[in-house]
Amino acid sequence: MRSKVPPAILRCVMHWRPSGLQSGLLLHGPTGGFKTTMLWHLARRVIEDGVRTAWMNSETLAREAAVAYGDPSRTAAWLADYKRPGWLFIDELFKGSFTPSAASAIFEIIEYRTTRLLPTVAATNATRKRIAASARDPAAQEAVAPILRRIIGEPGRPGSFECIHIPAPVD
């Protein structure tokens, strides 16, 4: 990884801490840029500092959301597992088909965490266009724009994410 990721980007990611109005970090770029590897290394460092963390990916999120939203008594407890940890790591954000339950869950989790300035680190290959295309269901499409506004931020809104483009690896 060290020889494939530009040193300035690697340093920025590995030493990232939430500050000011930014409570999140979004690593985005093409496949093969070591985004997931950097996520794991950053998570390991946070865990070694004794901070409680949670980890999710899009596939797990969609599967768990479908079950949780099918059982209202389980929904709040399931969402709390991702809302409340000191740090949340999300791999492959927006990958695959964005179901209404997954869209609803990710919005609720991101909204909770950004308004409370809780550190959230995510990685995605998806561009805005691909994210919108993955939300084929009208209910999911309606949720995509607010999720992106929470992540990318709005002027003066606390909790936005620092977005770092990870370039394709150079051989």
N, C-alpha and C. Protein backbone atom coordinates (compact mmCIF):
# COMPACT_ATOMS: atom_id res chain seq x y z
N MET A 1 0.82 -1.19 0.00
CA MET A 1 0.00 0.00 0.00
C MET A 1 0.87 1.26 0.00
N ARG A 2 1.90 1.27 0.82
CA ARG A 2 2.73 2.48 0.93
C ARG A 2 3.36 2.90 -0.39
N SER A 3 3.69 1.94 -1.22
CA SER A 3 4.32 2.30 -2.49
C SER A 3 3.28 2.66 -3.55
N LYS A 4 2.01 2.36 -3.32
CA LYS A 4 0.97 2.60 -4.32
C LYS A 4 0.14 3.86 -4.04
N VAL A 5 0.02 4.26 -2.79
CA VAL A 5 -0.77 5.44 -2.43
C VAL A 5 0.17 6.62 -2.29
N PRO A 6 -0.16 7.77 -2.91
CA PRO A 6 0.69 8.95 -2.74
C PRO A 6 0.91 9.25 -1.26
N PRO A 7 2.16 9.50 -0.86
CA PRO A 7 2.48 9.69 0.56
C PRO A 7 1.65 10.77 1.25
N ALA A 8 1.37 11.86 0.56
CA ALA A 8 0.61 12.95 1.17
C ALA A 8 -0.81 12.49 1.52
N ILE A 9 -1.41 11.70 0.64
CA ILE A 9 -2.77 11.18 0.89
C ILE A 9 -2.73 10.18 2.03
N LEU A 10 -1.76 9.30 2.01
CA LEU A 10 -1.64 8.28 3.07
C LEU A 10 -1.49 8.95 4.44
N ARG A 11 -0.64 9.96 4.53
CA ARG A 11 -0.44 10.69 5.79
C ARG A 11 -1.74 11.36 6.24
N CYS A 12 -2.41 11.99 5.30
CA CYS A 12 -3.66 12.70 5.61
C CYS A 12 -4.70 11.73 6.17
N VAL A 13 -4.85 10.57 5.53
CA VAL A 13 -5.84 9.58 5.97
C VAL A 13 -5.45 8.98 7.31
N MET A 14 -4.23 8.55 7.44
CA MET A 14 -3.82 7.83 8.65
C MET A 14 -3.77 8.72 9.89
N HIS A 15 -3.66 10.03 9.70
CA HIS A 15 -3.61 10.94 10.85
C HIS A 15 -4.88 11.76 10.98
N TRP A 16 -5.91 11.39 10.23
CA TRP A 16 -7.14 12.16 10.25
C TRP A 16 -7.83 12.06 11.61
N ARG A 17 -8.30 13.18 12.05
CA ARG A 17 -9.12 13.27 13.26
C ARG A 17 -10.22 14.29 12.97
N PRO A 18 -11.40 14.10 13.53
CA PRO A 18 -12.46 15.09 13.31
C PRO A 18 -12.04 16.42 13.92
N SER A 19 -12.42 17.50 13.25
CA SER A 19 -12.08 18.82 13.78
C SER A 19 -13.06 19.85 13.25
N GLY A 20 -13.27 20.87 14.03
CA GLY A 20 -14.17 21.94 13.62
C GLY A 20 -15.54 21.40 13.27
N LEU A 21 -16.02 21.76 12.09
CA LEU A 21 -17.34 21.32 11.66
C LEU A 21 -17.32 19.98 10.96
N GLN A 22 -16.13 19.43 10.70
CA GLN A 22 -16.05 18.16 9.98
C GLN A 22 -15.95 17.00 10.95
N SER A 23 -16.96 16.13 10.89
CA SER A 23 -16.97 14.97 11.77
C SER A 23 -16.73 13.68 11.01
N GLY A 24 -16.62 13.78 9.70
CA GLY A 24 -16.47 12.57 8.90
C GLY A 24 -15.38 12.68 7.86
N LEU A 25 -15.01 11.51 7.36
CA LEU A 25 -14.01 11.41 6.31
C LEU A 25 -14.56 10.47 5.26
N LEU A 26 -14.56 10.90 4.00
CA LEU A 26 -15.01 10.07 2.90
C LEU A 26 -13.85 9.88 1.93
N LEU A 27 -13.46 8.62 1.75
CA LEU A 27 -12.44 8.27 0.77
C LEU A 27 -13.18 7.79 -0.47
N HIS A 28 -12.93 8.44 -1.59
CA HIS A 28 -13.63 8.05 -2.81
C HIS A 28 -12.65 7.98 -3.97
N GLY A 29 -12.93 7.06 -4.87
CA GLY A 29 -12.07 6.89 -6.04
C GLY A 29 -12.27 5.51 -6.63
N PRO A 30 -11.53 5.23 -7.69
CA PRO A 30 -11.72 3.96 -8.40
C PRO A 30 -11.26 2.75 -7.57
N THR A 31 -11.73 1.59 -8.00
CA THR A 31 -11.33 0.33 -7.38
C THR A 31 -9.82 0.18 -7.42
N GLY A 32 -9.26 -0.42 -6.38
CA GLY A 32 -7.83 -0.69 -6.36
C GLY A 32 -6.97 0.40 -5.75
N GLY A 33 -7.60 1.43 -5.19
CA GLY A 33 -6.85 2.55 -4.62
C GLY A 33 -6.49 2.37 -3.15
N PHE A 34 -6.78 1.20 -2.57
CA PHE A 34 -6.47 0.87 -1.17
C PHE A 34 -7.33 1.63 -0.17
N LYS A 35 -8.53 2.02 -0.58
CA LYS A 35 -9.44 2.73 0.34
C LYS A 35 -9.82 1.85 1.52
N THR A 36 -10.20 0.61 1.26
CA THR A 36 -10.59 -0.30 2.34
C THR A 36 -9.40 -0.59 3.25
N THR A 37 -8.24 -0.78 2.68
CA THR A 37 -7.04 -1.04 3.49
C THR A 37 -6.75 0.15 4.41
N MET A 38 -6.89 1.36 3.88
CA MET A 38 -6.68 2.53 4.72
C MET A 38 -7.73 2.63 5.81
N LEU A 39 -8.97 2.26 5.49
CA LEU A 39 -10.04 2.24 6.49
C LEU A 39 -9.67 1.30 7.63
N TRP A 40 -9.22 0.08 7.29
CA TRP A 40 -8.84 -0.90 8.32
C TRP A 40 -7.68 -0.41 9.18
N HIS A 41 -6.68 0.20 8.56
CA HIS A 41 -5.54 0.70 9.34
C HIS A 41 -5.96 1.82 10.28
N LEU A 42 -6.81 2.72 9.79
CA LEU A 42 -7.30 3.80 10.64
C LEU A 42 -8.16 3.24 11.78
N ALA A 43 -9.01 2.26 11.47
CA ALA A 43 -9.84 1.63 12.51
C ALA A 43 -8.97 0.96 13.56
N ARG A 44 -7.94 0.28 13.13
CA ARG A 44 -7.05 -0.39 14.08
C ARG A 44 -6.40 0.62 15.02
N ARG A 45 -5.97 1.75 14.46
CA ARG A 45 -5.35 2.78 15.29
C ARG A 45 -6.34 3.32 16.32
N VAL A 46 -7.58 3.55 15.91
CA VAL A 46 -8.60 4.06 16.82
C VAL A 46 -8.91 3.03 17.91
N ILE A 47 -9.02 1.76 17.52
CA ILE A 47 -9.28 0.69 18.49
C ILE A 47 -8.14 0.58 19.49
N GLU A 48 -6.89 0.71 19.02
CA GLU A 48 -5.73 0.67 19.92
C GLU A 48 -5.75 1.81 20.92
N ASP A 49 -6.41 2.94 20.53
CA ASP A 49 -6.57 4.07 21.46
C ASP A 49 -7.67 3.80 22.48
N GLY A 50 -8.33 2.64 22.38
CA GLY A 50 -9.36 2.27 23.34
C GLY A 50 -10.75 2.81 23.03
N VAL A 51 -10.96 3.25 21.79
CA VAL A 51 -12.26 3.82 21.42
C VAL A 51 -13.16 2.73 20.85
N ARG A 52 -14.43 2.74 21.25
CA ARG A 52 -15.41 1.78 20.73
C ARG A 52 -15.73 2.12 19.28
N THR A 53 -15.70 1.13 18.41
CA THR A 53 -15.97 1.36 16.99
C THR A 53 -17.03 0.38 16.49
N ALA A 54 -17.57 0.69 15.33
CA ALA A 54 -18.45 -0.23 14.61
C ALA A 54 -18.04 -0.19 13.15
N TRP A 55 -18.32 -1.29 12.45
CA TRP A 55 -17.94 -1.44 11.05
C TRP A 55 -19.14 -1.97 10.29
N MET A 56 -19.38 -1.41 9.11
CA MET A 56 -20.44 -1.94 8.25
C MET A 56 -20.01 -1.79 6.80
N ASN A 57 -20.64 -2.58 5.93
CA ASN A 57 -20.49 -2.36 4.50
C ASN A 57 -21.88 -2.38 3.89
N SER A 58 -21.98 -2.00 2.63
CA SER A 58 -23.29 -1.87 1.99
C SER A 58 -24.08 -3.17 1.98
N GLU A 59 -23.42 -4.28 1.72
CA GLU A 59 -24.13 -5.56 1.68
C GLU A 59 -24.72 -5.89 3.05
N THR A 60 -23.92 -5.76 4.08
CA THR A 60 -24.39 -6.03 5.44
C THR A 60 -25.52 -5.07 5.81
N LEU A 61 -25.33 -3.79 5.48
CA LEU A 61 -26.33 -2.79 5.79
C LEU A 61 -27.67 -3.14 5.14
N ALA A 62 -27.67 -3.46 3.84
CA ALA A 62 -28.92 -3.76 3.14
C ALA A 62 -29.60 -4.98 3.74
N ARG A 63 -28.83 -6.01 4.03
CA ARG A 63 -29.38 -7.25 4.59
C ARG A 63 -29.95 -7.00 6.00
N GLU A 64 -29.17 -6.35 6.85
CA GLU A 64 -29.62 -6.10 8.22
C GLU A 64 -30.79 -5.12 8.26
N ALA A 65 -30.76 -4.12 7.38
CA ALA A 65 -31.86 -3.13 7.35
C ALA A 65 -33.16 -3.80 6.97
N ALA A 66 -33.13 -4.70 6.00
CA ALA A 66 -34.35 -5.40 5.58
C ALA A 66 -34.96 -6.17 6.75
N VAL A 67 -34.12 -6.82 7.53
CA VAL A 67 -34.61 -7.58 8.69
C VAL A 67 -35.11 -6.62 9.78
N ALA A 68 -34.30 -5.61 10.09
CA ALA A 68 -34.65 -4.70 11.18
C ALA A 68 -35.92 -3.91 10.87
N TYR A 69 -36.03 -3.42 9.64
CA TYR A 69 -37.22 -2.62 9.30
C TYR A 69 -38.45 -3.50 9.14
N GLY A 70 -38.26 -4.80 9.01
CA GLY A 70 -39.39 -5.72 8.99
C GLY A 70 -39.92 -6.02 10.38
N ASP A 71 -39.17 -5.65 11.41
CA ASP A 71 -39.55 -5.90 12.80
C ASP A 71 -39.34 -4.61 13.60
N PRO A 72 -40.40 -3.79 13.71
CA PRO A 72 -40.25 -2.49 14.37
C PRO A 72 -39.65 -2.55 15.76
N SER A 73 -39.87 -3.64 16.50
CA SER A 73 -39.31 -3.73 17.84
C SER A 73 -37.78 -3.86 17.79
N ARG A 74 -37.25 -4.30 16.67
CA ARG A 74 -35.80 -4.50 16.50
C ARG A 74 -35.12 -3.28 15.89
N THR A 75 -35.86 -2.44 15.17
CA THR A 75 -35.28 -1.34 14.40
C THR A 75 -34.43 -0.40 15.26
N ALA A 76 -34.98 0.10 16.35
CA ALA A 76 -34.26 1.08 17.18
C ALA A 76 -32.97 0.48 17.74
N ALA A 77 -33.03 -0.74 18.21
CA ALA A 77 -31.82 -1.37 18.78
C ALA A 77 -30.77 -1.58 17.70
N TRP A 78 -31.20 -2.01 16.53
CA TRP A 78 -30.25 -2.23 15.43
C TRP A 78 -29.59 -0.92 15.01
N LEU A 79 -30.38 0.13 14.85
CA LEU A 79 -29.83 1.43 14.46
C LEU A 79 -28.85 1.95 15.52
N ALA A 80 -29.16 1.73 16.79
CA ALA A 80 -28.29 2.19 17.88
C ALA A 80 -26.90 1.57 17.79
N ASP A 81 -26.82 0.33 17.29
CA ASP A 81 -25.52 -0.33 17.14
C ASP A 81 -24.58 0.47 16.24
N TYR A 82 -25.14 1.23 15.31
CA TYR A 82 -24.32 2.01 14.38
C TYR A 82 -24.32 3.50 14.69
N LYS A 83 -25.32 3.97 15.40
CA LYS A 83 -25.39 5.39 15.74
C LYS A 83 -24.43 5.76 16.87
N ARG A 84 -24.31 4.89 17.86
CA ARG A 84 -23.69 5.30 19.12
C ARG A 84 -22.21 5.05 19.32
N PRO A 85 -21.56 4.17 18.55
CA PRO A 85 -20.13 3.96 18.82
C PRO A 85 -19.32 5.25 18.66
N GLY A 86 -18.16 5.27 19.33
CA GLY A 86 -17.28 6.43 19.21
C GLY A 86 -16.94 6.72 17.76
N TRP A 87 -16.61 5.71 16.99
CA TRP A 87 -16.28 5.86 15.57
C TRP A 87 -17.07 4.81 14.79
N LEU A 88 -17.52 5.20 13.60
CA LEU A 88 -18.18 4.27 12.69
C LEU A 88 -17.40 4.24 11.38
N PHE A 89 -17.12 3.04 10.90
CA PHE A 89 -16.43 2.84 9.63
C PHE A 89 -17.40 2.16 8.66
N ILE A 90 -17.55 2.75 7.47
CA ILE A 90 -18.47 2.22 6.47
C ILE A 90 -17.68 1.95 5.19
N ASP A 91 -17.63 0.69 4.80
CA ASP A 91 -16.93 0.32 3.57
C ASP A 91 -17.95 0.12 2.46
N GLU A 92 -17.55 0.47 1.26
CA GLU A 92 -18.38 0.28 0.06
C GLU A 92 -19.72 1.01 0.17
N LEU A 93 -19.69 2.20 0.71
CA LEU A 93 -20.90 3.00 0.83
C LEU A 93 -21.50 3.21 -0.55
N PHE A 94 -22.79 3.01 -0.69
CA PHE A 94 -23.55 3.16 -1.93
C PHE A 94 -23.27 2.08 -2.96
N LYS A 95 -22.64 0.99 -2.58
CA LYS A 95 -22.41 -0.09 -3.54
C LYS A 95 -23.67 -0.93 -3.68
N GLY A 96 -23.92 -1.41 -4.88
CA GLY A 96 -25.08 -2.27 -5.12
C GLY A 96 -26.36 -1.47 -5.22
N SER A 97 -27.46 -2.15 -5.08
CA SER A 97 -28.77 -1.52 -5.19
C SER A 97 -29.17 -0.92 -3.85
N PHE A 98 -29.61 0.28 -3.88
CA PHE A 98 -29.99 1.02 -2.69
C PHE A 98 -31.47 0.81 -2.42
N THR A 99 -31.81 -0.07 -1.50
CA THR A 99 -33.21 -0.36 -1.19
C THR A 99 -33.78 0.75 -0.31
N PRO A 100 -35.10 0.88 -0.25
CA PRO A 100 -35.68 1.90 0.62
C PRO A 100 -35.28 1.72 2.09
N SER A 101 -35.22 0.47 2.57
CA SER A 101 -34.84 0.28 3.98
C SER A 101 -33.37 0.64 4.20
N ALA A 102 -32.50 0.30 3.25
CA ALA A 102 -31.08 0.67 3.38
C ALA A 102 -30.92 2.18 3.31
N ALA A 103 -31.63 2.83 2.39
CA ALA A 103 -31.55 4.29 2.27
C ALA A 103 -32.03 4.96 3.55
N SER A 104 -33.13 4.46 4.08
CA SER A 104 -33.66 5.02 5.31
C SER A 104 -32.68 4.84 6.47
N ALA A 105 -32.10 3.66 6.56
CA ALA A 105 -31.15 3.38 7.64
C ALA A 105 -29.91 4.25 7.55
N ILE A 106 -29.31 4.32 6.35
CA ILE A 106 -28.07 5.09 6.24
C ILE A 106 -28.34 6.57 6.49
N PHE A 107 -29.50 7.07 6.04
CA PHE A 107 -29.84 8.46 6.33
C PHE A 107 -29.94 8.68 7.83
N GLU A 108 -30.68 7.81 8.51
CA GLU A 108 -30.87 7.98 9.95
C GLU A 108 -29.54 7.90 10.71
N ILE A 109 -28.69 6.97 10.31
CA ILE A 109 -27.38 6.81 10.97
C ILE A 109 -26.50 8.03 10.72
N ILE A 110 -26.41 8.44 9.46
CA ILE A 110 -25.56 9.59 9.10
C ILE A 110 -26.10 10.87 9.74
N GLU A 111 -27.42 11.06 9.71
CA GLU A 111 -28.03 12.25 10.32
C GLU A 111 -27.72 12.30 11.82
N TYR A 112 -27.89 11.21 12.51
CA TYR A 112 -27.62 11.15 13.95
C TYR A 112 -26.16 11.50 14.23
N ARG A 113 -25.27 10.87 13.48
CA ARG A 113 -23.84 11.03 13.75
C ARG A 113 -23.34 12.42 13.36
N THR A 114 -23.80 12.98 12.23
CA THR A 114 -23.31 14.30 11.82
C THR A 114 -23.82 15.40 12.74
N THR A 115 -25.07 15.29 13.19
CA THR A 115 -25.58 16.34 14.08
C THR A 115 -24.90 16.32 15.44
N ARG A 116 -24.35 15.17 15.82
CA ARG A 116 -23.65 15.05 17.11
C ARG A 116 -22.14 15.09 16.94
N LEU A 117 -21.68 15.34 15.73
CA LEU A 117 -20.25 15.43 15.39
C LEU A 117 -19.49 14.18 15.80
N LEU A 118 -20.11 13.01 15.61
CA LEU A 118 -19.45 11.73 15.91
C LEU A 118 -18.63 11.29 14.71
N PRO A 119 -17.41 10.87 14.91
CA PRO A 119 -16.53 10.50 13.80
C PRO A 119 -17.08 9.33 12.98
N THR A 120 -17.16 9.56 11.68
CA THR A 120 -17.64 8.55 10.74
C THR A 120 -16.70 8.56 9.55
N VAL A 121 -16.18 7.40 9.20
CA VAL A 121 -15.24 7.29 8.09
C VAL A 121 -15.81 6.31 7.08
N ALA A 122 -15.88 6.71 5.82
CA ALA A 122 -16.49 5.86 4.80
C ALA A 122 -15.61 5.83 3.55
N ALA A 123 -15.78 4.75 2.79
CA ALA A 123 -15.08 4.61 1.52
C ALA A 123 -16.11 4.22 0.46
N THR A 124 -15.93 4.75 -0.74
CA THR A 124 -16.83 4.43 -1.85
C THR A 124 -16.11 4.54 -3.18
N ASN A 125 -16.53 3.71 -4.12
CA ASN A 125 -16.08 3.83 -5.50
C ASN A 125 -17.06 4.69 -6.28
N ALA A 126 -18.24 4.88 -5.73
CA ALA A 126 -19.34 5.49 -6.46
C ALA A 126 -19.17 6.99 -6.66
N THR A 127 -19.58 7.43 -7.84
CA THR A 127 -19.69 8.86 -8.13
C THR A 127 -21.13 9.27 -7.83
N ARG A 128 -21.41 10.55 -7.79
CA ARG A 128 -22.78 11.01 -7.54
C ARG A 128 -23.75 10.39 -8.55
N LYS A 129 -23.33 10.34 -9.81
CA LYS A 129 -24.19 9.79 -10.87
C LYS A 129 -24.49 8.31 -10.60
N ARG A 130 -23.47 7.55 -10.22
CA ARG A 130 -23.66 6.14 -9.94
C ARG A 130 -24.51 5.92 -8.69
N ILE A 131 -24.35 6.79 -7.71
CA ILE A 131 -25.15 6.69 -6.49
C ILE A 131 -26.62 6.88 -6.84
N ALA A 132 -26.92 7.92 -7.62
CA ALA A 132 -28.31 8.18 -8.01
C ALA A 132 -28.87 7.01 -8.83
N ALA A 133 -28.06 6.45 -9.71
CA ALA A 133 -28.52 5.33 -10.54
C ALA A 133 -28.77 4.08 -9.71
N SER A 134 -28.04 3.89 -8.62
CA SER A 134 -28.23 2.69 -7.80
C SER A 134 -29.52 2.74 -7.01
N ALA A 135 -30.05 3.93 -6.84
CA ALA A 135 -31.31 4.09 -6.10
C ALA A 135 -32.47 4.01 -7.08
N ARG A 136 -32.75 2.83 -7.55
CA ARG A 136 -33.78 2.64 -8.58
C ARG A 136 -35.20 2.82 -8.05
N ASP A 137 -35.43 2.49 -6.82
CA ASP A 137 -36.74 2.63 -6.22
C ASP A 137 -36.98 4.11 -5.90
N PRO A 138 -38.16 4.66 -6.25
CA PRO A 138 -38.43 6.08 -5.98
C PRO A 138 -38.21 6.49 -4.52
N ALA A 139 -38.57 5.63 -3.57
CA ALA A 139 -38.36 5.95 -2.15
C ALA A 139 -36.87 6.07 -1.83
N ALA A 140 -36.06 5.20 -2.43
CA ALA A 140 -34.61 5.27 -2.21
C ALA A 140 -34.03 6.50 -2.89
N GLN A 141 -34.54 6.84 -4.08
CA GLN A 141 -34.04 8.02 -4.78
C GLN A 141 -34.26 9.28 -3.97
N GLU A 142 -35.41 9.36 -3.32
CA GLU A 142 -35.69 10.53 -2.48
C GLU A 142 -34.72 10.65 -1.32
N ALA A 143 -34.19 9.54 -0.85
CA ALA A 143 -33.28 9.55 0.29
C ALA A 143 -31.83 9.87 -0.10
N VAL A 144 -31.46 9.66 -1.37
CA VAL A 144 -30.08 9.83 -1.78
C VAL A 144 -29.60 11.27 -1.63
N ALA A 145 -30.37 12.24 -2.10
CA ALA A 145 -29.95 13.64 -2.03
C ALA A 145 -29.71 14.10 -0.59
N PRO A 146 -30.62 13.82 0.35
CA PRO A 146 -30.35 14.23 1.74
C PRO A 146 -29.12 13.54 2.35
N ILE A 147 -28.90 12.28 1.98
CA ILE A 147 -27.71 11.58 2.49
C ILE A 147 -26.45 12.27 1.97
N LEU A 148 -26.44 12.57 0.68
CA LEU A 148 -25.27 13.25 0.09
C LEU A 148 -25.07 14.63 0.71
N ARG A 149 -26.17 15.35 0.99
CA ARG A 149 -26.03 16.67 1.63
C ARG A 149 -25.41 16.54 3.02
N ARG A 150 -25.76 15.48 3.76
CA ARG A 150 -25.18 15.27 5.09
C ARG A 150 -23.69 14.99 4.98
N ILE A 151 -23.32 14.19 3.99
CA ILE A 151 -21.92 13.80 3.84
C ILE A 151 -21.09 14.93 3.26
N ILE A 152 -21.54 15.49 2.16
CA ILE A 152 -20.77 16.52 1.48
C ILE A 152 -20.87 17.85 2.22
N GLY A 153 -21.98 18.04 2.87
CA GLY A 153 -22.14 19.23 3.70
C GLY A 153 -22.88 20.34 2.98
N GLU A 154 -23.41 21.21 3.78
CA GLU A 154 -24.08 22.41 3.31
C GLU A 154 -23.39 23.56 4.00
N PRO A 155 -23.34 24.73 3.38
CA PRO A 155 -22.67 25.87 4.01
C PRO A 155 -23.18 26.12 5.43
N GLY A 156 -22.25 26.16 6.36
CA GLY A 156 -22.57 26.43 7.76
C GLY A 156 -23.15 25.27 8.54
N ARG A 157 -23.34 24.12 7.90
CA ARG A 157 -23.91 22.96 8.59
C ARG A 157 -22.78 22.14 9.21
N PRO A 158 -22.82 21.95 10.52
CA PRO A 158 -21.79 21.13 11.16
C PRO A 158 -21.95 19.66 10.79
N GLY A 159 -20.85 18.93 10.86
CA GLY A 159 -20.88 17.49 10.68
C GLY A 159 -20.51 16.99 9.31
N SER A 160 -20.17 17.87 8.39
CA SER A 160 -19.84 17.42 7.04
C SER A 160 -18.59 16.55 7.04
N PHE A 161 -18.37 15.89 5.92
CA PHE A 161 -17.23 15.00 5.76
C PHE A 161 -16.13 15.68 4.97
N GLU A 162 -14.90 15.43 5.35
CA GLU A 162 -13.77 15.81 4.51
C GLU A 162 -13.70 14.74 3.42
N CYS A 163 -13.72 15.16 2.18
CA CYS A 163 -13.73 14.22 1.06
C CYS A 163 -12.33 14.17 0.42
N ILE A 164 -11.75 12.99 0.37
CA ILE A 164 -10.41 12.82 -0.21
C ILE A 164 -10.52 11.87 -1.39
N HIS A 165 -10.12 12.37 -2.54
CA HIS A 165 -10.11 11.51 -3.73
C HIS A 165 -8.85 10.65 -3.69
N ILE A 166 -9.05 9.35 -3.80
CA ILE A 166 -7.94 8.40 -3.83
C ILE A 166 -7.76 8.00 -5.30
N PRO A 167 -6.64 8.33 -5.90
CA PRO A 167 -6.45 8.02 -7.32
C PRO A 167 -6.24 6.52 -7.55
N ALA A 168 -6.43 6.13 -8.80
CA ALA A 168 -6.14 4.74 -9.19
C ALA A 168 -4.67 4.48 -8.94
N PRO A 169 -4.32 3.27 -8.52
CA PRO A 169 -2.91 2.97 -8.25
C PRO A 169 -2.08 3.02 -9.54
N VAL A 170 -0.87 3.45 -9.37
CA VAL A 170 0.07 3.53 -10.49
C VAL A 170 1.04 2.35 -10.35
N ASP A 171 1.18 1.58 -11.43
CA ASP A 171 2.11 0.45 -11.39
C ASP A 171 3.49 0.86 -11.78
